[in-house]
Amino acid sequence: MLSKKLYVLCVGVNEYKASTVSNLGGCVNDANHILNYFTGTSQNTDFEIDGKILVNEEATKANIVEHFQTHLGQAKKGDVAVFYFSGHGAEESADEVFEAYSHTDSFTTLVCHDSRVDASDLADKELRYLINQISGQEDHPHFVLITDSCHSGGATRSMDDLKPRLTKKTDTRKWSDFIFADQISRKDVEKAVSLKDVFPEGEHVHLSSCEDGELAYEVGGSGVFTSALLDILKQSSGQVSYQDINSRTRLMLGGRFPQKPTIYATQTDGYNELFLGGSIENKGITAPVKYNTTSNKWIFGLGTVHGINDHPSHATEVELFDIQNN
């Protein structure tokens, strides 16, 4: 009986309620592709997947927050929790009480289906608050945040069939609009020596589609970052580190699209940890093999993209099969 769980919450927003927010074309596809990948690759592992998906009108701010807390909040030590978001990203003028800690007058935000009409955007401080509820505890799961959205505004070159995932910067919200308003007051932040005193940072790894000041793009019905991420995961059978994923996505998108994916890990060793803690596709991978008669050596058609490296914690075992007898 499987005892470990992979909890996944995927959000994809193509359609927005606010007339001031343009619709997108590839975000629902992205969310479905990510969930389908996790569902398929978890079948031969020790993890049982429990996945949820919210798209378009389902992806209201209140619904996202509720599923974040009730669905991902079930994850415990030994489990893996993943929050994936594909949609518009933006900036919001921050309350001046945060400026002393952030050295900026802006929040980065995720734009929900009902943002700017029935609710505010989901601000980075709110996301931090939610993550800490899950991974700030002693028995916390392995938590991964993946966002394919813009994190700031700005102008950049246009390309045919290439659409930016961005909306304009919004004004400062009322404090009561924050999801943590009942737990954390403005005075609490004002009096704090460090932002971590009021907003502890739960342990997690964040893979983002672009740097601050850049746009994230979609083309051909999918976000270019999500497409690159899935290609890398499939090529490597999921056995690839977060740092390698970031390096390879930057390499794949570099020169083709004006965005550079980023990585952030709260723990230093998190960068070299295998994706989802190595919990997916642990059945191994196959590769072409040939014998070089000149060097008298076997040559395996595998490389870093497949998760093969010389890191001592990522040992690689090779098993040979006689195809004629199997």
C-alpha atoms as a PDB file:
ATOM      1  CA  MET A   1       0.000   0.000   0.000  1.00  0.00           C
ATOM      2  CA  LEU A   2       1.340   3.407  -0.985  1.00  0.00           C
ATOM      3  CA  SER A   3       1.968   5.643   2.003  1.00  0.00           C
ATOM      4  CA  LYS A   4       3.449   8.716   0.306  1.00  0.00           C
ATOM      5  CA  LYS A   5       1.357  11.249  -1.578  1.00  0.00           C
ATOM      6  CA  LEU A   6       2.057  13.711  -4.359  1.00  0.00           C
ATOM      7  CA  TYR A   7      -0.401  16.578  -3.929  1.00  0.00           C
ATOM      8  CA  VAL A   8      -0.671  18.808  -6.991  1.00  0.00           C
ATOM      9  CA  LEU A   9      -2.722  21.961  -7.545  1.00  0.00           C
ATOM     10  CA  CYS A  10      -2.597  23.304 -11.098  1.00  0.00           C
ATOM     11  CA  VAL A  11      -4.145  26.641 -12.048  1.00  0.00           C
ATOM     12  CA  GLY A  12      -4.555  27.852 -15.621  1.00  0.00           C
ATOM     13  CA  VAL A  13      -6.321  31.082 -16.527  1.00  0.00           C
ATOM     14  CA  ASN A  14      -7.076  31.977 -20.152  1.00  0.00           C
ATOM     15  CA  GLU A  15     -10.267  33.938 -19.502  1.00  0.00           C
ATOM     16  CA  TYR A  16     -10.478  36.933 -17.193  1.00  0.00           C
ATOM     17  CA  LYS A  17     -13.559  38.597 -15.758  1.00  0.00           C
ATOM     18  CA  ALA A  18     -12.112  42.118 -15.854  1.00  0.00           C
ATOM     19  CA  SER A  19     -12.483  43.892 -19.184  1.00  0.00           C
ATOM     20  CA  THR A  20      -9.125  45.563 -18.515  1.00  0.00           C
ATOM     21  CA  VAL A  21      -7.312  42.202 -18.461  1.00  0.00           C
ATOM     22  CA  SER A  22      -6.649  40.583 -21.834  1.00  0.00           C
ATOM     23  CA  ASN A  23      -7.426  36.909 -22.333  1.00  0.00           C
ATOM     24  CA  LEU A  24      -4.693  34.374 -23.051  1.00  0.00           C
ATOM     25  CA  GLY A  25      -4.597  31.205 -25.123  1.00  0.00           C
ATOM     26  CA  GLY A  26      -2.223  28.632 -23.633  1.00  0.00           C
ATOM     27  CA  CYS A  27      -2.631  28.654 -19.867  1.00  0.00           C
ATOM     28  CA  VAL A  28      -5.352  26.005 -19.583  1.00  0.00           C
ATOM     29  CA  ASN A  29      -3.295  23.761 -21.878  1.00  0.00           C
ATOM     30  CA  ASP A  30      -0.266  24.320 -19.652  1.00  0.00           C
ATOM     31  CA  ALA A  31      -2.121  23.377 -16.468  1.00  0.00           C
ATOM     32  CA  ASN A  32      -3.550  20.232 -18.065  1.00  0.00           C
ATOM     33  CA  HIS A  33      -0.190  19.186 -19.510  1.00  0.00           C
ATOM     34  CA  ILE A  34       1.555  19.571 -16.160  1.00  0.00           C
ATOM     35  CA  LEU A  35      -1.098  17.600 -14.281  1.00  0.00           C
ATOM     36  CA  ASN A  36      -1.174  14.899 -16.968  1.00  0.00           C
ATOM     37  CA  TYR A  37       2.600  14.565 -16.776  1.00  0.00           C
ATOM     38  CA  PHE A  38       2.572  14.141 -12.997  1.00  0.00           C
ATOM     39  CA  THR A  39      -0.333  11.703 -13.193  1.00  0.00           C
ATOM     40  CA  GLY A  40       1.363   9.543 -15.813  1.00  0.00           C
ATOM     41  CA  THR A  41       4.828   9.527 -14.284  1.00  0.00           C
ATOM     42  CA  SER A  42       3.670   8.769 -10.740  1.00  0.00           C
ATOM     43  CA  GLN A  43       2.095   5.451 -11.759  1.00  0.00           C
ATOM     44  CA  ASN A  44       5.354   3.506 -11.458  1.00  0.00           C
ATOM     45  CA  THR A  45       6.598   5.152  -8.282  1.00  0.00           C
ATOM     46  CA  ASP A  46       6.036   4.872  -4.549  1.00  0.00           C
ATOM     47  CA  PHE A  47       3.868   8.003  -4.637  1.00  0.00           C
ATOM     48  CA  GLU A  48       0.114   8.141  -5.041  1.00  0.00           C
ATOM     49  CA  ILE A  49      -0.942  11.317  -6.837  1.00  0.00           C
ATOM     50  CA  ASP A  50      -3.822  13.484  -5.680  1.00  0.00           C
ATOM     51  CA  GLY A  51      -4.181  16.210  -8.273  1.00  0.00           C
ATOM     52  CA  LYS A  52      -6.597  19.112  -8.601  1.00  0.00           C
ATOM     53  CA  ILE A  53      -6.964  21.601 -11.426  1.00  0.00           C
ATOM     54  CA  LEU A  54      -8.668  24.996 -11.497  1.00  0.00           C
ATOM     55  CA  VAL A  55      -9.170  26.724 -14.851  1.00  0.00           C
ATOM     56  CA  ASN A  56     -10.789  29.961 -15.973  1.00  0.00           C
ATOM     57  CA  GLU A  57     -13.922  30.778 -13.902  1.00  0.00           C
ATOM     58  CA  GLU A  58     -12.934  28.114 -11.328  1.00  0.00           C
ATOM     59  CA  ALA A  59      -9.678  29.970 -10.688  1.00  0.00           C
ATOM     60  CA  THR A  60     -11.046  32.780  -8.535  1.00  0.00           C
ATOM     61  CA  LYS A  61      -8.763  34.093  -5.846  1.00  0.00           C
ATOM     62  CA  ALA A  62     -10.933  32.661  -3.058  1.00  0.00           C
ATOM     63  CA  ASN A  63     -11.042  29.238  -4.736  1.00  0.00           C
ATOM     64  CA  ILE A  64      -7.286  29.154  -5.318  1.00  0.00           C
ATOM     65  CA  VAL A  65      -6.596  30.080  -1.697  1.00  0.00           C
ATOM     66  CA  GLU A  66      -9.118  27.513  -0.401  1.00  0.00           C
ATOM     67  CA  HIS A  67      -7.644  24.675  -2.500  1.00  0.00           C
ATOM     68  CA  PHE A  68      -4.126  25.735  -1.554  1.00  0.00           C
ATOM     69  CA  GLN A  69      -4.989  25.405   2.120  1.00  0.00           C
ATOM     70  CA  THR A  70      -7.319  22.382   2.058  1.00  0.00           C
ATOM     71  CA  HIS A  71      -5.780  20.316  -0.737  1.00  0.00           C
ATOM     72  CA  LEU A  72      -2.056  21.052  -0.573  1.00  0.00           C
ATOM     73  CA  GLY A  73      -2.430  21.518   3.170  1.00  0.00           C
ATOM     74  CA  GLN A  74      -2.948  17.755   3.537  1.00  0.00           C
ATOM     75  CA  ALA A  75       0.700  17.088   2.666  1.00  0.00           C
ATOM     76  CA  LYS A  76       2.898  15.911   5.499  1.00  0.00           C
ATOM     77  CA  LYS A  77       6.515  14.864   5.981  1.00  0.00           C
ATOM     78  CA  GLY A  78       7.544  12.460   3.237  1.00  0.00           C
ATOM     79  CA  ASP A  79       4.915  13.819   0.851  1.00  0.00           C
ATOM     80  CA  VAL A  80       5.406  16.271  -2.018  1.00  0.00           C
ATOM     81  CA  ALA A  81       3.204  19.317  -2.644  1.00  0.00           C
ATOM     82  CA  VAL A  82       3.246  21.274  -5.906  1.00  0.00           C
ATOM     83  CA  PHE A  83       1.515  24.528  -6.785  1.00  0.00           C
ATOM     84  CA  TYR A  84       1.588  25.377 -10.503  1.00  0.00           C
ATOM     85  CA  PHE A  85       0.217  28.623 -11.960  1.00  0.00           C
ATOM     86  CA  SER A  86      -0.072  29.640 -15.603  1.00  0.00           C
ATOM     87  CA  GLY A  87      -1.618  32.999 -16.397  1.00  0.00           C
ATOM     88  CA  HIS A  88      -1.049  36.733 -16.201  1.00  0.00           C
ATOM     89  CA  GLY A  89       1.450  38.129 -13.749  1.00  0.00           C
ATOM     90  CA  ALA A  90       1.680  41.785 -12.789  1.00  0.00           C
ATOM     91  CA  GLU A  91       2.871  44.351 -10.303  1.00  0.00           C
ATOM     92  CA  GLU A  92       0.976  46.163  -7.589  1.00  0.00           C
ATOM     93  CA  SER A  93       1.922  49.291  -5.702  1.00  0.00           C
ATOM     94  CA  ALA A  94       2.892  48.066  -2.239  1.00  0.00           C
ATOM     95  CA  ASP A  95       1.830  49.561   1.050  1.00  0.00           C
ATOM     96  CA  GLU A  96       4.712  51.764   2.202  1.00  0.00           C
ATOM     97  CA  VAL A  97       5.031  49.694   5.382  1.00  0.00           C
ATOM     98  CA  PHE A  98       6.760  46.980   3.291  1.00  0.00           C
ATOM     99  CA  GLU A  99       9.327  49.269   1.647  1.00  0.00           C
ATOM    100  CA  ALA A 100      11.786  49.087   4.550  1.00  0.00           C
ATOM    101  CA  TYR A 101      12.085  45.325   4.088  1.00  0.00           C
ATOM    102  CA  SER A 102      11.655  44.832   0.348  1.00  0.00           C
ATOM    103  CA  HIS A 103      13.568  47.889  -0.906  1.00  0.00           C
ATOM    104  CA  THR A 104      10.875  48.259  -3.539  1.00  0.00           C
ATOM    105  CA  ASP A 105       7.533  49.967  -3.803  1.00  0.00           C
ATOM    106  CA  SER A 106       5.920  47.050  -5.661  1.00  0.00           C
ATOM    107  CA  PHE A 107       4.563  43.570  -5.110  1.00  0.00           C
ATOM    108  CA  THR A 108       4.633  40.927  -7.811  1.00  0.00           C
ATOM    109  CA  THR A 109       1.248  39.279  -8.249  1.00  0.00           C
ATOM    110  CA  LEU A 110      -0.592  36.406  -9.899  1.00  0.00           C
ATOM    111  CA  VAL A 111      -3.757  37.551 -11.655  1.00  0.00           C
ATOM    112  CA  CYS A 112      -6.739  35.345 -10.797  1.00  0.00           C
ATOM    113  CA  HIS A 113      -9.879  34.984 -12.917  1.00  0.00           C
ATOM    114  CA  ASP A 114     -11.807  37.539 -10.846  1.00  0.00           C
ATOM    115  CA  SER A 115      -8.909  39.884 -10.076  1.00  0.00           C
ATOM    116  CA  ARG A 116      -9.607  43.611 -10.488  1.00  0.00           C
ATOM    117  CA  VAL A 117     -13.392  42.931 -10.305  1.00  0.00           C
ATOM    118  CA  ASP A 118     -14.340  40.865  -7.250  1.00  0.00           C
ATOM    119  CA  ALA A 119     -10.917  40.457  -5.673  1.00  0.00           C
ATOM    120  CA  SER A 120      -7.374  41.736  -5.636  1.00  0.00           C
ATOM    121  CA  ASP A 121      -4.513  39.855  -7.299  1.00  0.00           C
ATOM    122  CA  LEU A 122      -2.737  37.117  -5.349  1.00  0.00           C
ATOM    123  CA  ALA A 123       0.284  39.041  -4.060  1.00  0.00           C
ATOM    124  CA  ASP A 124       3.709  37.538  -3.424  1.00  0.00           C
ATOM    125  CA  LYS A 125       3.352  38.223   0.315  1.00  0.00           C
ATOM    126  CA  GLU A 126       0.076  36.296   0.315  1.00  0.00           C
ATOM    127  CA  LEU A 127       1.720  33.400  -1.499  1.00  0.00           C
ATOM    128  CA  ARG A 128       4.522  33.447   1.050  1.00  0.00           C
ATOM    129  CA  TYR A 129       1.924  33.342   3.823  1.00  0.00           C
ATOM    130  CA  LEU A 130       0.198  30.336   2.225  1.00  0.00           C
ATOM    131  CA  ILE A 131       3.438  28.426   1.626  1.00  0.00           C
ATOM    132  CA  ASN A 132       4.508  28.871   5.235  1.00  0.00           C
ATOM    133  CA  GLN A 133       1.236  27.367   6.422  1.00  0.00           C
ATOM    134  CA  ILE A 134       2.255  24.145   4.678  1.00  0.00           C
ATOM    135  CA  SER A 135       6.042  24.006   4.705  1.00  0.00           C
ATOM    136  CA  GLY A 136       6.824  26.084   7.762  1.00  0.00           C
ATOM    137  CA  GLN A 137       6.009  23.208  10.111  1.00  0.00           C
ATOM    138  CA  GLU A 138       8.456  20.626  11.477  1.00  0.00           C
ATOM    139  CA  ASP A 139       6.767  17.763   9.619  1.00  0.00           C
ATOM    140  CA  HIS A 140       6.533  19.707   6.363  1.00  0.00           C
ATOM    141  CA  PRO A 141       6.463  18.096   2.907  1.00  0.00           C
ATOM    142  CA  HIS A 142       8.765  18.819   0.003  1.00  0.00           C
ATOM    143  CA  PHE A 143       7.134  21.937  -1.484  1.00  0.00           C
ATOM    144  CA  VAL A 144       7.570  23.184  -5.053  1.00  0.00           C
ATOM    145  CA  LEU A 145       6.185  26.355  -6.606  1.00  0.00           C
ATOM    146  CA  ILE A 146       6.152  26.669 -10.417  1.00  0.00           C
ATOM    147  CA  THR A 147       4.923  29.862 -12.059  1.00  0.00           C
ATOM    148  CA  ASP A 148       4.623  30.585 -15.779  1.00  0.00           C
ATOM    149  CA  SER A 149       3.646  34.243 -15.648  1.00  0.00           C
ATOM    150  CA  CYS A 150       5.179  37.702 -15.877  1.00  0.00           C
ATOM    151  CA  HIS A 151       6.527  39.202 -12.689  1.00  0.00           C
ATOM    152  CA  SER A 152       6.673  42.829 -13.722  1.00  0.00           C
ATOM    153  CA  GLY A 153       5.678  45.275 -16.457  1.00  0.00           C
ATOM    154  CA  GLY A 154       7.739  46.711 -19.250  1.00  0.00           C
ATOM    155  CA  ALA A 155       8.026  46.969 -22.993  1.00  0.00           C
ATOM    156  CA  THR A 156       9.982  44.554 -25.136  1.00  0.00           C
ATOM    157  CA  ARG A 157      10.260  43.491 -28.708  1.00  0.00           C
ATOM    158  CA  SER A 158       7.219  41.879 -30.325  1.00  0.00           C
ATOM    159  CA  MET A 159       7.257  38.660 -32.316  1.00  0.00           C
ATOM    160  CA  ASP A 160       4.636  37.028 -34.523  1.00  0.00           C
ATOM    161  CA  ASP A 161       2.281  34.706 -32.628  1.00  0.00           C
ATOM    162  CA  LEU A 162       4.059  35.574 -29.368  1.00  0.00           C
ATOM    163  CA  LYS A 163       1.930  36.968 -26.561  1.00  0.00           C
ATOM    164  CA  PRO A 164       3.122  38.333 -23.202  1.00  0.00           C
ATOM    165  CA  ARG A 165       1.482  37.186 -19.985  1.00  0.00           C
ATOM    166  CA  LEU A 166       1.229  40.584 -18.339  1.00  0.00           C
ATOM    167  CA  THR A 167      -1.295  43.078 -17.066  1.00  0.00           C
ATOM    168  CA  LYS A 168      -0.740  46.652 -15.982  1.00  0.00           C
ATOM    169  CA  LYS A 169       0.361  47.636 -12.504  1.00  0.00           C
ATOM    170  CA  THR A 170      -2.462  48.111 -10.000  1.00  0.00           C
ATOM    171  CA  ASP A 171      -2.872  50.588  -7.156  1.00  0.00           C
ATOM    172  CA  THR A 172      -2.201  49.921  -3.487  1.00  0.00           C
ATOM    173  CA  ARG A 173      -4.938  47.749  -1.969  1.00  0.00           C
ATOM    174  CA  LYS A 174      -6.674  48.184   1.353  1.00  0.00           C
ATOM    175  CA  TRP A 175      -5.073  46.119   4.131  1.00  0.00           C
ATOM    176  CA  SER A 176      -8.368  44.266   4.623  1.00  0.00           C
ATOM    177  CA  ASP A 177      -8.013  42.853   1.095  1.00  0.00           C
ATOM    178  CA  PHE A 178      -5.001  40.730   2.089  1.00  0.00           C
ATOM    179  CA  ILE A 179      -5.866  37.122   2.880  1.00  0.00           C
ATOM    180  CA  PHE A 180      -3.814  37.399   6.085  1.00  0.00           C
ATOM    181  CA  ALA A 181      -5.510  40.599   7.314  1.00  0.00           C
ATOM    182  CA  ASP A 182      -7.229  38.782  10.213  1.00  0.00           C
ATOM    183  CA  GLN A 183      -3.928  37.284  11.390  1.00  0.00           C
ATOM    184  CA  ILE A 184      -1.355  39.978  10.624  1.00  0.00           C
ATOM    185  CA  SER A 185      -1.985  43.695  11.111  1.00  0.00           C
ATOM    186  CA  ARG A 186      -0.272  46.599   9.403  1.00  0.00           C
ATOM    187  CA  LYS A 187       1.110  47.591  12.808  1.00  0.00           C
ATOM    188  CA  ASP A 188       2.653  44.109  13.191  1.00  0.00           C
ATOM    189  CA  VAL A 189       4.661  44.683  10.013  1.00  0.00           C
ATOM    190  CA  GLU A 190       5.556  48.237  10.964  1.00  0.00           C
ATOM    191  CA  LYS A 191       6.978  47.158  14.337  1.00  0.00           C
ATOM    192  CA  ALA A 192       8.842  44.079  13.099  1.00  0.00           C
ATOM    193  CA  VAL A 193      12.643  44.032  13.053  1.00  0.00           C
ATOM    194  CA  SER A 194      12.613  41.626  10.108  1.00  0.00           C
ATOM    195  CA  LEU A 195       9.887  40.691   7.644  1.00  0.00           C
ATOM    196  CA  LYS A 196      10.476  37.065   8.655  1.00  0.00           C
ATOM    197  CA  ASP A 197       9.158  37.947  12.104  1.00  0.00           C
ATOM    198  CA  VAL A 198       5.672  38.346  10.654  1.00  0.00           C
ATOM    199  CA  PHE A 199       6.023  36.456   7.360  1.00  0.00           C
ATOM    200  CA  PRO A 200       8.175  33.359   8.034  1.00  0.00           C
ATOM    201  CA  GLU A 201       9.490  31.760   4.882  1.00  0.00           C
ATOM    202  CA  GLY A 202       8.379  28.161   4.566  1.00  0.00           C
ATOM    203  CA  GLU A 203      10.929  25.818   3.032  1.00  0.00           C
ATOM    204  CA  HIS A 204      10.359  25.490  -0.717  1.00  0.00           C
ATOM    205  CA  VAL A 205      11.820  25.650  -4.212  1.00  0.00           C
ATOM    206  CA  HIS A 206      10.447  28.102  -6.769  1.00  0.00           C
ATOM    207  CA  LEU A 207      10.896  27.673 -10.526  1.00  0.00           C
ATOM    208  CA  SER A 208       9.839  30.834 -12.331  1.00  0.00           C
ATOM    209  CA  SER A 209       9.440  31.554 -16.038  1.00  0.00           C
ATOM    210  CA  CYS A 210      11.366  34.847 -16.049  1.00  0.00           C
ATOM    211  CA  GLU A 211      13.399  37.353 -14.106  1.00  0.00           C
ATOM    212  CA  ASP A 212      12.030  40.467 -12.435  1.00  0.00           C
ATOM    213  CA  GLY A 213      11.581  43.108 -15.090  1.00  0.00           C
ATOM    214  CA  GLU A 214      10.868  40.566 -17.835  1.00  0.00           C
ATOM    215  CA  LEU A 215       7.762  39.215 -19.507  1.00  0.00           C
ATOM    216  CA  ALA A 216       6.766  35.564 -19.859  1.00  0.00           C
ATOM    217  CA  TYR A 217       5.509  34.508 -23.281  1.00  0.00           C
ATOM    218  CA  GLU A 218       3.228  31.942 -24.821  1.00  0.00           C
ATOM    219  CA  VAL A 219       3.270  30.724 -28.400  1.00  0.00           C
ATOM    220  CA  GLY A 220       1.475  27.930 -30.243  1.00  0.00           C
ATOM    221  CA  GLY A 221      -1.018  27.318 -27.434  1.00  0.00           C
ATOM    222  CA  SER A 222       1.460  26.931 -24.587  1.00  0.00           C
ATOM    223  CA  GLY A 223       3.808  28.943 -22.396  1.00  0.00           C
ATOM    224  CA  VAL A 224       7.352  28.673 -23.741  1.00  0.00           C
ATOM    225  CA  PHE A 225       8.683  28.041 -20.220  1.00  0.00           C
ATOM    226  CA  THR A 226       6.215  25.242 -19.475  1.00  0.00           C
ATOM    227  CA  SER A 227       6.950  23.590 -22.826  1.00  0.00           C
ATOM    228  CA  ALA A 228      10.690  23.678 -22.135  1.00  0.00           C
ATOM    229  CA  LEU A 229      10.199  22.371 -18.586  1.00  0.00           C
ATOM    230  CA  LEU A 230       8.144  19.400 -19.749  1.00  0.00           C
ATOM    231  CA  ASP A 231      10.654  18.580 -22.507  1.00  0.00           C
ATOM    232  CA  ILE A 232      13.467  18.489 -19.954  1.00  0.00           C
ATOM    233  CA  LEU A 233      11.512  16.368 -17.478  1.00  0.00           C
ATOM    234  CA  LYS A 234      10.551  13.852 -20.156  1.00  0.00           C
ATOM    235  CA  GLN A 235      14.110  13.642 -21.536  1.00  0.00           C
ATOM    236  CA  SER A 236      15.572  13.141 -18.075  1.00  0.00           C
ATOM    237  CA  SER A 237      12.833  10.826 -16.771  1.00  0.00           C
ATOM    238  CA  GLY A 238      12.357  13.368 -14.002  1.00  0.00           C
ATOM    239  CA  GLN A 239      15.772  12.566 -12.527  1.00  0.00           C
ATOM    240  CA  VAL A 240      17.260  16.047 -12.845  1.00  0.00           C
ATOM    241  CA  SER A 241      18.129  18.658 -10.240  1.00  0.00           C
ATOM    242  CA  TYR A 242      16.374  21.980  -9.867  1.00  0.00           C
ATOM    243  CA  GLN A 243      19.591  23.796 -10.769  1.00  0.00           C
ATOM    244  CA  ASP A 244      19.952  21.715 -13.935  1.00  0.00           C
ATOM    245  CA  ILE A 245      16.340  22.440 -14.876  1.00  0.00           C
ATOM    246  CA  ASN A 246      16.962  26.157 -14.519  1.00  0.00           C
ATOM    247  CA  SER A 247      20.204  26.018 -16.520  1.00  0.00           C
ATOM    248  CA  ARG A 248      18.614  24.020 -19.304  1.00  0.00           C
ATOM    249  CA  THR A 249      15.444  26.110 -19.578  1.00  0.00           C
ATOM    250  CA  ARG A 250      17.567  29.257 -19.792  1.00  0.00           C
ATOM    251  CA  LEU A 251      19.648  27.603 -22.495  1.00  0.00           C
ATOM    252  CA  MET A 252      16.595  26.423 -24.437  1.00  0.00           C
ATOM    253  CA  LEU A 253      14.881  29.815 -24.353  1.00  0.00           C
ATOM    254  CA  GLY A 254      17.973  31.979 -24.665  1.00  0.00           C
ATOM    255  CA  GLY A 255      18.211  33.833 -27.970  1.00  0.00           C
ATOM    256  CA  ARG A 256      14.730  32.678 -28.983  1.00  0.00           C
ATOM    257  CA  PHE A 257      12.553  34.440 -26.422  1.00  0.00           C
ATOM    258  CA  PRO A 258      13.195  37.549 -24.307  1.00  0.00           C
ATOM    259  CA  GLN A 259      12.889  35.825 -20.942  1.00  0.00           C
ATOM    260  CA  LYS A 260      15.280  34.077 -18.576  1.00  0.00           C
ATOM    261  CA  PRO A 261      13.839  31.486 -16.168  1.00  0.00           C
ATOM    262  CA  THR A 262      14.922  31.734 -12.532  1.00  0.00           C
ATOM    263  CA  ILE A 263      15.238  29.485  -9.518  1.00  0.00           C
ATOM    264  CA  TYR A 264      15.009  30.211  -5.807  1.00  0.00           C
ATOM    265  CA  ALA A 265      15.445  27.776  -2.941  1.00  0.00           C
ATOM    266  CA  THR A 266      15.100  28.668   0.725  1.00  0.00           C
ATOM    267  CA  GLN A 267      17.759  26.087   1.596  1.00  0.00           C
ATOM    268  CA  THR A 268      21.168  26.079  -0.082  1.00  0.00           C
ATOM    269  CA  ASP A 269      21.094  22.328  -0.732  1.00  0.00           C
ATOM    270  CA  GLY A 270      17.709  22.693  -2.394  1.00  0.00           C
ATOM    271  CA  TYR A 271      19.279  23.771  -5.683  1.00  0.00           C
ATOM    272  CA  ASN A 272      21.012  20.416  -6.156  1.00  0.00           C
ATOM    273  CA  GLU A 273      18.082  18.317  -5.013  1.00  0.00           C
ATOM    274  CA  LEU A 274      16.325  16.196  -7.622  1.00  0.00           C
ATOM    275  CA  PHE A 275      13.030  17.520  -8.996  1.00  0.00           C
ATOM    276  CA  LEU A 276      10.184  16.713  -6.569  1.00  0.00           C
ATOM    277  CA  GLY A 277      12.762  15.015  -4.393  1.00  0.00           C
ATOM    278  CA  GLY A 278      13.255  12.374  -7.093  1.00  0.00           C
ATOM    279  CA  SER A 279       9.722  11.082  -6.530  1.00  0.00           C
ATOM    280  CA  ILE A 280       8.633  10.744 -10.176  1.00  0.00           C
ATOM    281  CA  GLU A 281       9.603   8.337 -12.939  1.00  0.00           C
ATOM    282  CA  ASN A 282      12.024   6.377 -10.761  1.00  0.00           C
ATOM    283  CA  LYS A 283      11.589   3.398 -13.068  1.00  0.00           C
ATOM    284  CA  GLY A 284      14.718   4.493 -14.904  1.00  0.00           C
ATOM    285  CA  ILE A 285      15.419   5.392 -18.506  1.00  0.00           C
ATOM    286  CA  THR A 286      16.635   3.597 -21.602  1.00  0.00           C
ATOM    287  CA  ALA A 287      19.343   4.702 -23.992  1.00  0.00           C
ATOM    288  CA  PRO A 288      21.017   3.635 -27.235  1.00  0.00           C
ATOM    289  CA  VAL A 289      24.263   1.730 -26.686  1.00  0.00           C
ATOM    290  CA  LYS A 290      27.051   0.892 -29.106  1.00  0.00           C
ATOM    291  CA  TYR A 291      30.528  -0.620 -28.831  1.00  0.00           C
ATOM    292  CA  ASN A 292      33.493   1.412 -30.104  1.00  0.00           C
ATOM    293  CA  THR A 293      35.984  -1.095 -31.522  1.00  0.00           C
ATOM    294  CA  THR A 294      38.745   1.523 -31.665  1.00  0.00           C
ATOM    295  CA  SER A 295      38.645   2.431 -27.980  1.00  0.00           C
ATOM    296  CA  ASN A 296      37.226  -0.938 -26.886  1.00  0.00           C
ATOM    297  CA  LYS A 297      34.554   0.864 -24.852  1.00  0.00           C
ATOM    298  CA  TRP A 298      30.796   0.825 -24.624  1.00  0.00           C
ATOM    299  CA  ILE A 299      29.188   4.179 -25.443  1.00  0.00           C
ATOM    300  CA  PHE A 300      25.855   5.103 -23.874  1.00  0.00           C
ATOM    301  CA  GLY A 301      23.678   7.750 -25.511  1.00  0.00           C
ATOM    302  CA  LEU A 302      22.988   9.585 -22.267  1.00  0.00           C
ATOM    303  CA  GLY A 303      24.058  12.923 -20.857  1.00  0.00           C
ATOM    304  CA  THR A 304      23.248  15.674 -18.387  1.00  0.00           C
ATOM    305  CA  VAL A 305      19.864  16.291 -19.972  1.00  0.00           C
ATOM    306  CA  HIS A 306      18.885  12.768 -18.932  1.00  0.00           C
ATOM    307  CA  GLY A 307      19.996  13.313 -15.340  1.00  0.00           C
ATOM    308  CA  ILE A 308      23.431  11.703 -15.762  1.00  0.00           C
ATOM    309  CA  ASN A 309      26.091  13.586 -13.822  1.00  0.00           C
ATOM    310  CA  ASP A 310      28.988  13.076 -11.459  1.00  0.00           C
ATOM    311  CA  HIS A 311      27.330  14.514  -8.363  1.00  0.00           C
ATOM    312  CA  PRO A 312      28.044  12.074  -5.491  1.00  0.00           C
ATOM    313  CA  SER A 313      24.431  12.151  -4.282  1.00  0.00           C
ATOM    314  CA  HIS A 314      23.071  11.294  -7.727  1.00  0.00           C
ATOM    315  CA  ALA A 315      24.510   7.849  -8.292  1.00  0.00           C
ATOM    316  CA  THR A 316      23.778   6.301 -11.689  1.00  0.00           C
ATOM    317  CA  GLU A 317      23.231   2.564 -12.013  1.00  0.00           C
ATOM    318  CA  VAL A 318      23.400   0.862 -15.406  1.00  0.00           C
ATOM    319  CA  GLU A 319      21.694  -2.445 -16.084  1.00  0.00           C
ATOM    320  CA  LEU A 320      22.294  -4.260 -19.384  1.00  0.00           C
ATOM    321  CA  PHE A 321      19.674  -6.437 -21.031  1.00  0.00           C
ATOM    322  CA  ASP A 322      20.059  -9.038 -23.722  1.00  0.00           C
ATOM    323  CA  ILE A 323      17.308  -7.887 -26.103  1.00  0.00           C
ATOM    324  CA  GLN A 324      17.168 -11.241 -27.904  1.00  0.00           C
ATOM    325  CA  ASN A 325      16.335 -13.048 -24.684  1.00  0.00           C
ATOM    326  CA  ASN A 326      13.897 -10.468 -23.230  1.00  0.00           C
END
